[in-house]
PDB file of N, CA and C in Angstrom:
ATOM      1  N   MET A   1     -20.001  51.648  39.879  1.00  0.00           N
ATOM      2  CA  MET A   1     -21.042  52.466  40.829  1.00  0.00           C
ATOM      3  C   MET A   1     -20.450  53.839  41.257  1.00  0.00           C
ATOM      4  N   THR A   2     -20.979  54.817  41.249  1.00  0.00           N
ATOM      5  CA  THR A   2     -20.550  56.252  41.495  1.00  0.00           C
ATOM      6  C   THR A   2     -20.708  56.622  43.195  1.00  0.00           C
ATOM      7  N   ASP A   3     -19.726  57.257  43.341  1.00  0.00           N
ATOM      8  CA  ASP A   3     -19.780  57.685  44.852  1.00  0.00           C
ATOM      9  C   ASP A   3     -20.579  58.629  45.060  1.00  0.00           C
ATOM     10  N   ILE A   4     -21.317  59.433  44.092  1.00  0.00           N
ATOM     11  CA  ILE A   4     -22.045  60.433  44.221  1.00  0.00           C
ATOM     12  C   ILE A   4     -23.483  60.088  44.715  1.00  0.00           C
ATOM     13  N   THR A   5     -24.186  60.466  45.726  1.00  0.00           N
ATOM     14  CA  THR A   5     -25.541  60.060  45.934  1.00  0.00           C
ATOM     15  C   THR A   5     -26.655  61.088  45.172  1.00  0.00           C
ATOM     16  N   ARG A   6     -27.781  60.513  44.555  1.00  0.00           N
ATOM     17  CA  ARG A   6     -28.622  61.359  43.924  1.00  0.00           C
ATOM     18  C   ARG A   6     -29.706  60.988  44.860  1.00  0.00           C
ATOM     19  N   ILE A   7     -30.289  62.310  45.205  1.00  0.00           N
ATOM     20  CA  ILE A   7     -31.745  62.308  46.094  1.00  0.00           C
ATOM     21  C   ILE A   7     -32.656  62.964  45.376  1.00  0.00           C
ATOM     22  N   LEU A   8     -33.823  62.192  45.221  1.00  0.00           N
ATOM     23  CA  LEU A   8     -35.081  62.993  44.681  1.00  0.00           C
ATOM     24  C   LEU A   8     -36.126  63.606  45.789  1.00  0.00           C
ATOM     25  N   ILE A   9     -36.249  64.544  45.812  1.00  0.00           N
ATOM     26  CA  ILE A   9     -37.295  65.235  47.062  1.00  0.00           C
ATOM     27  C   ILE A   9     -38.628  65.470  46.334  1.00  0.00           C
ATOM     28  N   ILE A  10     -39.538  64.886  46.689  1.00  0.00           N
ATOM     29  CA  ILE A  10     -40.915  65.222  46.082  1.00  0.00           C
ATOM     30  C   ILE A  10     -42.005  65.739  47.295  1.00  0.00           C
ATOM     31  N   GLU A  11     -41.883  66.870  47.424  1.00  0.00           N
ATOM     32  CA  GLU A  11     -42.450  67.767  48.580  1.00  0.00           C
ATOM     33  C   GLU A  11     -43.325  68.632  47.994  1.00  0.00           C
ATOM     34  N   GLY A  12     -44.760  68.825  48.417  1.00  0.00           N
ATOM     35  CA  GLY A  12     -45.495  70.050  48.047  1.00  0.00           C
ATOM     36  C   GLY A  12     -45.184  71.258  48.812  1.00  0.00           C
ATOM     37  N   GLU A  13     -44.658  71.318  49.914  1.00  0.00           N
ATOM     38  CA  GLU A  13     -44.423  72.666  50.547  1.00  0.00           C
ATOM     39  C   GLU A  13     -43.405  73.261  49.898  1.00  0.00           C
ATOM     40  N   PRO A  14     -43.388  74.416  49.345  1.00  0.00           N
ATOM     41  CA  PRO A  14     -42.247  74.919  48.793  1.00  0.00           C
ATOM     42  C   PRO A  14     -40.918  75.378  49.612  1.00  0.00           C
ATOM     43  N   GLY A  15     -41.414  75.673  50.908  1.00  0.00           N
ATOM     44  CA  GLY A  15     -40.418  76.147  52.037  1.00  0.00           C
ATOM     45  C   GLY A  15     -39.689  75.097  52.520  1.00  0.00           C
ATOM     46  N   LEU A  16     -40.374  73.895  52.789  1.00  0.00           N
ATOM     47  CA  LEU A  16     -39.712  72.916  53.336  1.00  0.00           C
ATOM     48  C   LEU A  16     -38.750  72.166  52.152  1.00  0.00           C
ATOM     49  N   ARG A  17     -39.443  72.222  51.055  1.00  0.00           N
ATOM     50  CA  ARG A  17     -38.683  71.639  49.743  1.00  0.00           C
ATOM     51  C   ARG A  17     -37.168  72.118  49.823  1.00  0.00           C
ATOM     52  N   ARG A  18     -37.218  73.483  49.710  1.00  0.00           N
ATOM     53  CA  ARG A  18     -35.803  74.354  49.728  1.00  0.00           C
ATOM     54  C   ARG A  18     -34.993  73.975  50.846  1.00  0.00           C
ATOM     55  N   GLU A  19     -35.683  73.930  52.052  1.00  0.00           N
ATOM     56  CA  GLU A  19     -34.749  73.646  53.120  1.00  0.00           C
ATOM     57  C   GLU A  19     -34.151  72.241  53.282  1.00  0.00           C
ATOM     58  N   LEU A  20     -34.846  71.307  52.835  1.00  0.00           N
ATOM     59  CA  LEU A  20     -34.490  69.784  52.684  1.00  0.00           C
ATOM     60  C   LEU A  20     -33.382  69.923  51.444  1.00  0.00           C
ATOM     61  N   ALA A  21     -33.703  70.418  50.308  1.00  0.00           N
ATOM     62  CA  ALA A  21     -32.561  70.580  49.398  1.00  0.00           C
ATOM     63  C   ALA A  21     -31.447  71.050  49.673  1.00  0.00           C
ATOM     64  N   SER A  22     -31.515  72.246  50.292  1.00  0.00           N
ATOM     65  CA  SER A  22     -30.327  73.211  50.778  1.00  0.00           C
ATOM     66  C   SER A  22     -29.493  72.246  52.030  1.00  0.00           C
ATOM     67  N   ALA A  23     -30.072  71.566  52.792  1.00  0.00           N
ATOM     68  CA  ALA A  23     -29.191  70.775  53.899  1.00  0.00           C
ATOM     69  C   ALA A  23     -28.735  69.591  53.244  1.00  0.00           C
ATOM     70  N   LEU A  24     -29.478  68.742  52.382  1.00  0.00           N
ATOM     71  CA  LEU A  24     -28.859  67.693  51.845  1.00  0.00           C
ATOM     72  C   LEU A  24     -27.650  68.158  50.894  1.00  0.00           C
ATOM     73  N   THR A  25     -27.996  69.233  50.062  1.00  0.00           N
ATOM     74  CA  THR A  25     -26.820  69.514  49.030  1.00  0.00           C
ATOM     75  C   THR A  25     -25.749  70.021  49.772  1.00  0.00           C
ATOM     76  N   GLU A  26     -25.788  70.785  50.987  1.00  0.00           N
ATOM     77  CA  GLU A  26     -24.493  71.061  51.821  1.00  0.00           C
ATOM     78  C   GLU A  26     -23.788  69.564  52.483  1.00  0.00           C
ATOM     79  N   ALA A  27     -24.598  68.821  52.729  1.00  0.00           N
ATOM     80  CA  ALA A  27     -24.065  67.514  53.120  1.00  0.00           C
ATOM     81  C   ALA A  27     -23.410  66.619  52.143  1.00  0.00           C
ATOM     82  N   GLY A  28     -23.440  67.186  50.752  1.00  0.00           N
ATOM     83  CA  GLY A  28     -22.583  66.597  49.685  1.00  0.00           C
ATOM     84  C   GLY A  28     -23.485  65.792  48.620  1.00  0.00           C
ATOM     85  N   PHE A  29     -24.730  65.617  48.831  1.00  0.00           N
ATOM     86  CA  PHE A  29     -25.699  65.073  48.046  1.00  0.00           C
ATOM     87  C   PHE A  29     -26.078  65.791  46.864  1.00  0.00           C
ATOM     88  N   VAL A  30     -26.255  65.224  45.762  1.00  0.00           N
ATOM     89  CA  VAL A  30     -26.849  65.911  44.572  1.00  0.00           C
ATOM     90  C   VAL A  30     -28.304  65.792  44.508  1.00  0.00           C
ATOM     91  N   VAL A  31     -28.917  66.956  44.543  1.00  0.00           N
ATOM     92  CA  VAL A  31     -30.625  66.981  44.844  1.00  0.00           C
ATOM     93  C   VAL A  31     -31.417  67.317  43.536  1.00  0.00           C
ATOM     94  N   ALA A  32     -32.522  66.663  43.334  1.00  0.00           N
ATOM     95  CA  ALA A  32     -33.453  67.074  42.286  1.00  0.00           C
ATOM     96  C   ALA A  32     -34.717  67.389  43.216  1.00  0.00           C
ATOM     97  N   ASP A  33     -35.286  68.264  43.122  1.00  0.00           N
ATOM     98  CA  ASP A  33     -36.438  68.567  43.915  1.00  0.00           C
ATOM     99  C   ASP A  33     -37.582  69.112  42.938  1.00  0.00           C
ATOM    100  N   VAL A  34     -38.875  68.423  43.329  1.00  0.00           N
ATOM    101  CA  VAL A  34     -40.141  68.649  42.534  1.00  0.00           C
ATOM    102  C   VAL A  34     -41.146  68.730  43.557  1.00  0.00           C
ATOM    103  N   SER A  35     -42.304  69.492  42.791  1.00  0.00           N
ATOM    104  CA  SER A  35     -43.474  69.477  44.098  1.00  0.00           C
ATOM    105  C   SER A  35     -44.678  68.520  43.939  1.00  0.00           C
ATOM    106  N   ASP A  36     -44.135  67.446  42.861  1.00  0.00           N
ATOM    107  CA  ASP A  36     -45.338  66.539  42.686  1.00  0.00           C
ATOM    108  C   ASP A  36     -44.504  65.272  41.848  1.00  0.00           C
ATOM    109  N   MET A  37     -45.208  64.054  42.178  1.00  0.00           N
ATOM    110  CA  MET A  37     -44.792  62.961  41.776  1.00  0.00           C
ATOM    111  C   MET A  37     -44.146  63.056  40.100  1.00  0.00           C
ATOM    112  N   PRO A  38     -43.111  63.132  39.455  1.00  0.00           N
ATOM    113  CA  PRO A  38     -42.865  63.335  38.046  1.00  0.00           C
ATOM    114  C   PRO A  38     -43.178  61.988  37.211  1.00  0.00           C
ATOM    115  N   GLU A  39     -43.036  62.220  35.925  1.00  0.00           N
ATOM    116  CA  GLU A  39     -43.479  60.938  35.082  1.00  0.00           C
ATOM    117  C   GLU A  39     -42.388  59.981  35.181  1.00  0.00           C
ATOM    118  N   SER A  40     -42.529  58.701  34.781  1.00  0.00           N
ATOM    119  CA  SER A  40     -41.478  57.665  34.995  1.00  0.00           C
ATOM    120  C   SER A  40     -40.402  57.909  34.355  1.00  0.00           C
ATOM    121  N   ASN A  41     -40.364  58.461  32.859  1.00  0.00           N
ATOM    122  CA  ASN A  41     -39.168  58.938  32.170  1.00  0.00           C
ATOM    123  C   ASN A  41     -38.350  60.071  32.883  1.00  0.00           C
ATOM    124  N   VAL A  42     -38.930  60.913  33.516  1.00  0.00           N
ATOM    125  CA  VAL A  42     -38.060  61.977  34.295  1.00  0.00           C
ATOM    126  C   VAL A  42     -37.114  61.313  35.483  1.00  0.00           C
ATOM    127  N   ILE A  43     -37.923  60.373  36.064  1.00  0.00           N
ATOM    128  CA  ILE A  43     -37.515  59.582  37.280  1.00  0.00           C
ATOM    129  C   ILE A  43     -36.222  58.742  36.655  1.00  0.00           C
ATOM    130  N   ARG A  44     -36.323  58.244  35.506  1.00  0.00           N
ATOM    131  CA  ARG A  44     -35.072  57.301  34.970  1.00  0.00           C
ATOM    132  C   ARG A  44     -34.062  58.196  34.658  1.00  0.00           C
ATOM    133  N   GLU A  45     -34.314  59.601  33.961  1.00  0.00           N
ATOM    134  CA  GLU A  45     -33.467  60.432  33.823  1.00  0.00           C
ATOM    135  C   GLU A  45     -32.715  60.928  34.874  1.00  0.00           C
ATOM    136  N   LEU A  46     -33.359  61.247  35.870  1.00  0.00           N
ATOM    137  CA  LEU A  46     -32.795  61.667  37.200  1.00  0.00           C
ATOM    138  C   LEU A  46     -32.004  60.564  37.894  1.00  0.00           C
ATOM    139  N   ASN A  47     -32.372  59.337  37.808  1.00  0.00           N
ATOM    140  CA  ASN A  47     -31.638  58.075  38.302  1.00  0.00           C
ATOM    141  C   ASN A  47     -31.390  58.237  39.716  1.00  0.00           C
ATOM    142  N   PRO A  48     -32.394  58.632  40.686  1.00  0.00           N
ATOM    143  CA  PRO A  48     -32.066  58.666  42.077  1.00  0.00           C
ATOM    144  C   PRO A  48     -31.608  57.371  42.712  1.00  0.00           C
ATOM    145  N   ASP A  49     -30.739  57.599  43.813  1.00  0.00           N
ATOM    146  CA  ASP A  49     -30.396  56.566  44.727  1.00  0.00           C
ATOM    147  C   ASP A  49     -31.460  56.321  45.777  1.00  0.00           C
ATOM    148  N   ILE A  50     -32.227  57.441  46.049  1.00  0.00           N
ATOM    149  CA  ILE A  50     -33.374  57.450  47.297  1.00  0.00           C
ATOM    150  C   ILE A  50     -34.135  58.690  46.831  1.00  0.00           C
ATOM    151  N   ALA A  51     -35.330  58.277  47.291  1.00  0.00           N
ATOM    152  CA  ALA A  51     -36.360  59.469  47.445  1.00  0.00           C
ATOM    153  C   ALA A  51     -36.927  59.996  48.479  1.00  0.00           C
ATOM    154  N   ILE A  52     -37.224  61.241  48.937  1.00  0.00           N
ATOM    155  CA  ILE A  52     -37.874  61.554  50.123  1.00  0.00           C
ATOM    156  C   ILE A  52     -39.352  62.135  49.648  1.00  0.00           C
ATOM    157  N   VAL A  53     -40.287  61.682  49.999  1.00  0.00           N
ATOM    158  CA  VAL A  53     -41.550  61.930  49.375  1.00  0.00           C
ATOM    159  C   VAL A  53     -42.710  62.529  50.404  1.00  0.00           C
ATOM    160  N   ASP A  54     -43.382  63.496  50.205  1.00  0.00           N
ATOM    161  CA  ASP A  54     -44.469  63.895  50.908  1.00  0.00           C
ATOM    162  C   ASP A  54     -45.671  62.877  51.104  1.00  0.00           C
ATOM    163  N   GLU A  55     -46.020  62.753  52.033  1.00  0.00           N
ATOM    164  CA  GLU A  55     -47.247  61.996  52.201  1.00  0.00           C
ATOM    165  C   GLU A  55     -48.395  62.237  51.655  1.00  0.00           C
ATOM    166  N   VAL A  56     -48.579  63.638  51.336  1.00  0.00           N
ATOM    167  CA  VAL A  56     -49.663  64.063  50.581  1.00  0.00           C
ATOM    168  C   VAL A  56     -49.210  64.924  49.509  1.00  0.00           C
ATOM    169  N   LEU A  57     -49.466  64.581  48.093  1.00  0.00           N
ATOM    170  CA  LEU A  57     -49.030  65.197  46.864  1.00  0.00           C
ATOM    171  C   LEU A  57     -50.226  65.660  46.265  1.00  0.00           C
ATOM    172  N   PRO A  58     -49.995  66.731  45.591  1.00  0.00           N
ATOM    173  CA  PRO A  58     -51.067  67.234  44.623  1.00  0.00           C
ATOM    174  C   PRO A  58     -51.761  66.306  43.834  1.00  0.00           C
ATOM    175  N   SER A  59     -51.087  65.260  43.088  1.00  0.00           N
ATOM    176  CA  SER A  59     -51.777  64.454  42.143  1.00  0.00           C
ATOM    177  C   SER A  59     -52.249  63.286  42.841  1.00  0.00           C
ATOM    178  N   GLY A  60     -52.048  63.109  44.345  1.00  0.00           N
ATOM    179  CA  GLY A  60     -52.725  62.135  45.046  1.00  0.00           C
ATOM    180  C   GLY A  60     -51.825  61.781  46.315  1.00  0.00           C
ATOM    181  N   ASP A  61     -52.179  60.466  46.601  1.00  0.00           N
ATOM    182  CA  ASP A  61     -51.508  59.900  47.726  1.00  0.00           C
ATOM    183  C   ASP A  61     -49.869  59.562  47.627  1.00  0.00           C
ATOM    184  N   GLY A  62     -49.236  60.357  48.532  1.00  0.00           N
ATOM    185  CA  GLY A  62     -47.714  60.223  48.403  1.00  0.00           C
ATOM    186  C   GLY A  62     -47.261  58.618  48.829  1.00  0.00           C
ATOM    187  N   LYS A  63     -48.106  57.902  49.500  1.00  0.00           N
ATOM    188  CA  LYS A  63     -47.957  56.340  49.663  1.00  0.00           C
ATOM    189  C   LYS A  63     -47.954  55.597  48.608  1.00  0.00           C
ATOM    190  N   GLY A  64     -48.730  55.781  47.503  1.00  0.00           N
ATOM    191  CA  GLY A  64     -48.807  55.449  46.244  1.00  0.00           C
ATOM    192  C   GLY A  64     -47.668  55.482  45.422  1.00  0.00           C
ATOM    193  N   ALA A  65     -47.206  56.848  45.579  1.00  0.00           N
ATOM    194  CA  ALA A  65     -45.994  57.310  44.887  1.00  0.00           C
ATOM    195  C   ALA A  65     -44.725  56.496  45.494  1.00  0.00           C
ATOM    196  N   CYS A  66     -44.816  56.280  46.800  1.00  0.00           N
ATOM    197  CA  CYS A  66     -43.588  55.529  47.511  1.00  0.00           C
ATOM    198  C   CYS A  66     -43.747  54.079  47.092  1.00  0.00           C
ATOM    199  N   SER A  67     -44.981  53.452  47.016  1.00  0.00           N
ATOM    200  CA  SER A  67     -44.714  52.222  46.481  1.00  0.00           C
ATOM    201  C   SER A  67     -44.374  52.020  45.079  1.00  0.00           C
ATOM    202  N   LYS A  68     -44.849  53.105  43.940  1.00  0.00           N
ATOM    203  CA  LYS A  68     -44.098  52.966  42.831  1.00  0.00           C
ATOM    204  C   LYS A  68     -42.704  53.203  42.844  1.00  0.00           C
ATOM    205  N   LEU A  69     -42.069  54.064  43.572  1.00  0.00           N
ATOM    206  CA  LEU A  69     -40.629  54.253  43.720  1.00  0.00           C
ATOM    207  C   LEU A  69     -39.941  53.263  44.142  1.00  0.00           C
ATOM    208  N   HIS A  70     -40.259  52.462  44.943  1.00  0.00           N
ATOM    209  CA  HIS A  70     -39.871  51.317  45.894  1.00  0.00           C
ATOM    210  C   HIS A  70     -39.767  50.001  44.980  1.00  0.00           C
ATOM    211  N   THR A  71     -41.238  50.033  44.162  1.00  0.00           N
ATOM    212  CA  THR A  71     -41.436  48.570  43.469  1.00  0.00           C
ATOM    213  C   THR A  71     -40.810  48.767  42.002  1.00  0.00           C
ATOM    214  N   VAL A  72     -41.083  49.769  41.358  1.00  0.00           N
ATOM    215  CA  VAL A  72     -40.902  49.926  39.877  1.00  0.00           C
ATOM    216  C   VAL A  72     -39.256  50.472  39.731  1.00  0.00           C
ATOM    217  N   PHE A  73     -38.895  51.257  40.599  1.00  0.00           N
ATOM    218  CA  PHE A  73     -37.495  51.814  40.395  1.00  0.00           C
ATOM    219  C   PHE A  73     -36.498  51.213  41.424  1.00  0.00           C
ATOM    220  N   SER A  74     -36.942  50.449  42.110  1.00  0.00           N
ATOM    221  CA  SER A  74     -36.009  49.717  43.229  1.00  0.00           C
ATOM    222  C   SER A  74     -35.019  50.778  43.947  1.00  0.00           C
ATOM    223  N   ILE A  75     -35.458  51.720  44.239  1.00  0.00           N
ATOM    224  CA  ILE A  75     -34.921  52.634  45.355  1.00  0.00           C
ATOM    225  C   ILE A  75     -35.514  52.686  46.624  1.00  0.00           C
ATOM    226  N   PRO A  76     -34.939  53.100  47.864  1.00  0.00           N
ATOM    227  CA  PRO A  76     -35.578  53.194  49.085  1.00  0.00           C
ATOM    228  C   PRO A  76     -36.234  54.639  49.102  1.00  0.00           C
ATOM    229  N   VAL A  77     -37.300  54.827  49.865  1.00  0.00           N
ATOM    230  CA  VAL A  77     -37.895  55.879  50.007  1.00  0.00           C
ATOM    231  C   VAL A  77     -37.912  56.286  51.613  1.00  0.00           C
ATOM    232  N   ILE A  78     -38.099  57.386  51.931  1.00  0.00           N
ATOM    233  CA  ILE A  78     -38.253  58.043  53.211  1.00  0.00           C
ATOM    234  C   ILE A  78     -39.599  59.096  52.822  1.00  0.00           C
ATOM    235  N   LEU A  79     -40.654  58.639  53.616  1.00  0.00           N
ATOM    236  CA  LEU A  79     -41.851  59.194  53.583  1.00  0.00           C
ATOM    237  C   LEU A  79     -42.086  60.305  54.637  1.00  0.00           C
ATOM    238  N   LEU A  80     -42.446  61.452  54.307  1.00  0.00           N
ATOM    239  CA  LEU A  80     -42.676  62.575  55.510  1.00  0.00           C
ATOM    240  C   LEU A  80     -44.258  62.837  55.380  1.00  0.00           C
ATOM    241  N   GLY A  81     -44.552  63.137  56.902  1.00  0.00           N
ATOM    242  CA  GLY A  81     -46.015  63.316  57.050  1.00  0.00           C
ATOM    243  C   GLY A  81     -46.088  64.022  58.278  1.00  0.00           C
ATOM    244  N   LYS A  82     -47.397  64.329  58.289  1.00  0.00           N
ATOM    245  CA  LYS A  82     -47.587  65.523  59.762  1.00  0.00           C
ATOM    246  C   LYS A  82     -48.151  64.531  60.821  1.00  0.00           C
ATOM    247  N   ASP A  83     -48.444  63.405  60.611  1.00  0.00           N
ATOM    248  CA  ASP A  83     -49.130  62.428  61.791  1.00  0.00           C
ATOM    249  C   ASP A  83     -47.870  62.056  62.822  1.00  0.00           C
ATOM    250  N   SER A  84     -47.939  62.464  64.050  1.00  0.00           N
ATOM    251  CA  SER A  84     -46.908  61.861  65.179  1.00  0.00           C
ATOM    252  C   SER A  84     -47.397  60.890  65.833  1.00  0.00           C
ATOM    253  N   VAL A  85     -48.496  60.114  65.829  1.00  0.00           N
ATOM    254  CA  VAL A  85     -49.005  59.251  66.403  1.00  0.00           C
ATOM    255  C   VAL A  85     -48.736  57.684  66.303  1.00  0.00           C
ATOM    256  N   GLY A  86     -48.033  57.473  65.252  1.00  0.00           N
ATOM    257  CA  GLY A  86     -47.748  56.004  64.874  1.00  0.00           C
ATOM    258  C   GLY A  86     -48.336  55.406  63.939  1.00  0.00           C
ATOM    259  N   GLU A  87     -49.637  55.662  63.588  1.00  0.00           N
ATOM    260  CA  GLU A  87     -50.485  54.971  62.679  1.00  0.00           C
ATOM    261  C   GLU A  87     -49.904  55.505  61.221  1.00  0.00           C
ATOM    262  N   ALA A  88     -49.795  56.563  60.984  1.00  0.00           N
ATOM    263  CA  ALA A  88     -49.172  56.977  59.900  1.00  0.00           C
ATOM    264  C   ALA A  88     -47.909  56.371  59.391  1.00  0.00           C
ATOM    265  N   MET A  89     -47.060  56.223  60.427  1.00  0.00           N
ATOM    266  CA  MET A  89     -45.706  55.357  60.374  1.00  0.00           C
ATOM    267  C   MET A  89     -46.022  53.928  59.733  1.00  0.00           C
ATOM    268  N   ILE A  90     -47.002  53.224  60.308  1.00  0.00           N
ATOM    269  CA  ILE A  90     -47.417  51.957  60.020  1.00  0.00           C
ATOM    270  C   ILE A  90     -47.803  52.126  58.699  1.00  0.00           C
ATOM    271  N   ARG A  91     -48.884  52.778  58.263  1.00  0.00           N
ATOM    272  CA  ARG A  91     -49.433  52.849  56.861  1.00  0.00           C
ATOM    273  C   ARG A  91     -48.075  52.930  55.909  1.00  0.00           C
ATOM    274  N   ALA A  92     -47.168  54.066  56.252  1.00  0.00           N
ATOM    275  CA  ALA A  92     -46.037  54.233  55.474  1.00  0.00           C
ATOM    276  C   ALA A  92     -45.158  52.981  55.175  1.00  0.00           C
ATOM    277  N   LEU A  93     -44.799  52.264  56.325  1.00  0.00           N
ATOM    278  CA  LEU A  93     -43.794  51.215  56.266  1.00  0.00           C
ATOM    279  C   LEU A  93     -44.777  50.226  55.358  1.00  0.00           C
ATOM    280  N   ASP A  94     -46.168  49.957  55.502  1.00  0.00           N
ATOM    281  CA  ASP A  94     -46.991  49.042  54.782  1.00  0.00           C
ATOM    282  C   ASP A  94     -46.956  49.300  53.305  1.00  0.00           C
ATOM    283  N   ALA A  95     -46.692  50.661  53.020  1.00  0.00           N
ATOM    284  CA  ALA A  95     -46.687  51.055  51.599  1.00  0.00           C
ATOM    285  C   ALA A  95     -45.362  51.020  51.125  1.00  0.00           C
ATOM    286  N   GLY A  96     -44.423  50.381  51.817  1.00  0.00           N
ATOM    287  CA  GLY A  96     -42.962  50.308  51.203  1.00  0.00           C
ATOM    288  C   GLY A  96     -41.943  51.396  51.552  1.00  0.00           C
ATOM    289  N   ALA A  97     -42.294  52.107  52.457  1.00  0.00           N
ATOM    290  CA  ALA A  97     -41.500  53.077  52.850  1.00  0.00           C
ATOM    291  C   ALA A  97     -40.468  52.650  53.745  1.00  0.00           C
ATOM    292  N   ASP A  98     -39.140  53.076  53.531  1.00  0.00           N
ATOM    293  CA  ASP A  98     -38.033  52.502  54.244  1.00  0.00           C
ATOM    294  C   ASP A  98     -37.882  53.035  56.069  1.00  0.00           C
ATOM    295  N   PHE A  99     -38.564  54.439  55.769  1.00  0.00           N
ATOM    296  CA  PHE A  99     -38.608  55.155  57.119  1.00  0.00           C
ATOM    297  C   PHE A  99     -39.653  56.284  56.941  1.00  0.00           C
ATOM    298  N   TYR A 100     -40.212  56.760  58.092  1.00  0.00           N
ATOM    299  CA  TYR A 100     -41.269  57.769  58.171  1.00  0.00           C
ATOM    300  C   TYR A 100     -40.791  58.981  59.097  1.00  0.00           C
ATOM    301  N   PHE A 101     -40.966  60.204  58.579  1.00  0.00           N
ATOM    302  CA  PHE A 101     -40.620  61.242  59.563  1.00  0.00           C
ATOM    303  C   PHE A 101     -41.641  62.195  59.452  1.00  0.00           C
ATOM    304  N   THR A 102     -41.710  62.775  60.764  1.00  0.00           N
ATOM    305  CA  THR A 102     -42.939  63.693  60.722  1.00  0.00           C
ATOM    306  C   THR A 102     -42.192  64.930  60.533  1.00  0.00           C
ATOM    307  N   LYS A 103     -43.152  65.708  59.721  1.00  0.00           N
ATOM    308  CA  LYS A 103     -42.571  67.179  59.302  1.00  0.00           C
ATOM    309  C   LYS A 103     -42.378  68.152  60.446  1.00  0.00           C
ATOM    310  N   PRO A 104     -41.588  69.082  60.179  1.00  0.00           N
ATOM    311  CA  PRO A 104     -40.293  68.973  59.592  1.00  0.00           C
ATOM    312  C   PRO A 104     -39.308  68.091  60.290  1.00  0.00           C
ATOM    313  N   PRO A 105     -38.603  67.237  59.266  1.00  0.00           N
ATOM    314  CA  PRO A 105     -37.635  66.409  59.998  1.00  0.00           C
ATOM    315  C   PRO A 105     -36.448  67.395  60.479  1.00  0.00           C
ATOM    316  N   HIS A 106     -35.506  66.796  61.285  1.00  0.00           N
ATOM    317  CA  HIS A 106     -34.552  67.408  61.715  1.00  0.00           C
ATOM    318  C   HIS A 106     -33.440  67.128  60.742  1.00  0.00           C
ATOM    319  N   ASN A 107     -32.814  68.281  60.252  1.00  0.00           N
ATOM    320  CA  ASN A 107     -31.619  67.854  58.952  1.00  0.00           C
ATOM    321  C   ASN A 107     -30.774  66.841  59.226  1.00  0.00           C
ATOM    322  N   ARG A 108     -29.866  66.973  60.501  1.00  0.00           N
ATOM    323  CA  ARG A 108     -28.984  66.104  60.717  1.00  0.00           C
ATOM    324  C   ARG A 108     -29.393  64.419  61.096  1.00  0.00           C
ATOM    325  N   GLU A 109     -30.707  64.394  61.604  1.00  0.00           N
ATOM    326  CA  GLU A 109     -31.182  63.144  61.592  1.00  0.00           C
ATOM    327  C   GLU A 109     -31.632  62.395  60.186  1.00  0.00           C
ATOM    328  N   LEU A 110     -31.993  63.274  59.320  1.00  0.00           N
ATOM    329  CA  LEU A 110     -32.449  63.194  57.920  1.00  0.00           C
ATOM    330  C   LEU A 110     -31.085  62.532  57.076  1.00  0.00           C
ATOM    331  N   ILE A 111     -30.259  63.521  57.341  1.00  0.00           N
ATOM    332  CA  ILE A 111     -28.630  62.933  56.633  1.00  0.00           C
ATOM    333  C   ILE A 111     -28.324  61.643  57.169  1.00  0.00           C
ATOM    334  N   ALA A 112     -28.287  61.468  58.406  1.00  0.00           N
ATOM    335  CA  ALA A 112     -27.724  60.280  59.037  1.00  0.00           C
ATOM    336  C   ALA A 112     -28.825  59.036  58.527  1.00  0.00           C
ATOM    337  N   ARG A 113     -30.237  59.403  58.379  1.00  0.00           N
ATOM    338  CA  ARG A 113     -31.082  58.085  58.186  1.00  0.00           C
ATOM    339  C   ARG A 113     -30.627  57.735  56.604  1.00  0.00           C
ATOM    340  N   VAL A 114     -30.606  59.056  55.913  1.00  0.00           N
ATOM    341  CA  VAL A 114     -30.241  58.775  54.256  1.00  0.00           C
ATOM    342  C   VAL A 114     -28.936  57.598  54.237  1.00  0.00           C
ATOM    343  N   GLY A 115     -28.019  58.197  55.088  1.00  0.00           N
ATOM    344  CA  GLY A 115     -26.868  57.315  55.005  1.00  0.00           C
ATOM    345  C   GLY A 115     -27.049  55.959  55.250  1.00  0.00           C
ATOM    346  N   ALA A 116     -27.743  55.568  56.298  1.00  0.00           N
ATOM    347  CA  ALA A 116     -27.803  54.442  57.157  1.00  0.00           C
ATOM    348  C   ALA A 116     -28.935  53.650  56.096  1.00  0.00           C
ATOM    349  N   ILE A 117     -29.743  54.111  55.467  1.00  0.00           N
ATOM    350  CA  ILE A 117     -30.798  53.504  54.402  1.00  0.00           C
ATOM    351  C   ILE A 117     -29.730  53.155  53.094  1.00  0.00           C
ATOM    352  N   LEU A 118     -28.970  53.922  52.658  1.00  0.00           N
ATOM    353  CA  LEU A 118     -28.289  53.559  51.514  1.00  0.00           C
ATOM    354  C   LEU A 118     -27.067  52.516  51.907  1.00  0.00           C
ATOM    355  N   ARG A 119     -26.548  52.617  52.910  1.00  0.00           N
ATOM    356  CA  ARG A 119     -25.589  51.631  53.289  1.00  0.00           C
ATOM    357  C   ARG A 119     -26.157  50.246  53.304  1.00  0.00           C
ATOM    358  N   ARG A 120     -27.271  50.008  53.641  1.00  0.00           N
ATOM    359  CA  ARG A 120     -28.097  48.783  53.783  1.00  0.00           C
ATOM    360  C   ARG A 120     -28.348  48.477  52.467  1.00  0.00           C
ATOM    361  N   TYR A 121     -28.911  49.397  51.265  1.00  0.00           N
ATOM    362  CA  TYR A 121     -29.465  49.049  50.128  1.00  0.00           C
ATOM    363  C   TYR A 121     -28.062  48.436  49.187  1.00  0.00           C
ATOM    364  N   LYS A 122     -26.949  49.423  49.253  1.00  0.00           N
ATOM    365  CA  LYS A 122     -25.827  48.945  48.590  1.00  0.00           C
ATOM    366  C   LYS A 122     -25.029  47.737  48.865  1.00  0.00           C
ATOM    367  N   LYS A 123     -25.602  47.086  50.088  1.00  0.00           N
ATOM    368  CA  LYS A 123     -24.907  45.620  50.407  1.00  0.00           C
ATOM    369  C   LYS A 123     -25.602  44.772  49.604  1.00  0.00           C
ATOM    370  N   ARG A 124     -27.009  44.997  49.095  1.00  0.00           N
ATOM    371  CA  ARG A 124     -27.918  44.002  48.441  1.00  0.00           C
ATOM    372  C   ARG A 124     -27.153  43.483  46.875  1.00  0.00           C
TER     373      ARG A 124
END
């Protein structure tokens, strides 16, 4: 097992995607960022350890992408959305997300959450 953590960011907002990628790269992660859900072969090639996914994607619902990443690729997923009232978090967790952040997430909290989730997954 490698010590390098690979993060896949799937975020439709270019500015937020760049900001997240920059913060996570500065924190020592290897980051691949795309604007929409990539094909399965691209995901296999990237071999991410965790994904951060926009709740609303150009090709459809981010919760569907979350479910696929979680079940097909067996990686944890953090879902990003704009709903701060709690219902979105419940729907995200029901879709298989490991955590839900309201956009934009605080970078330090996101980095800490990525680490916490990965520690739990690596124990499995």
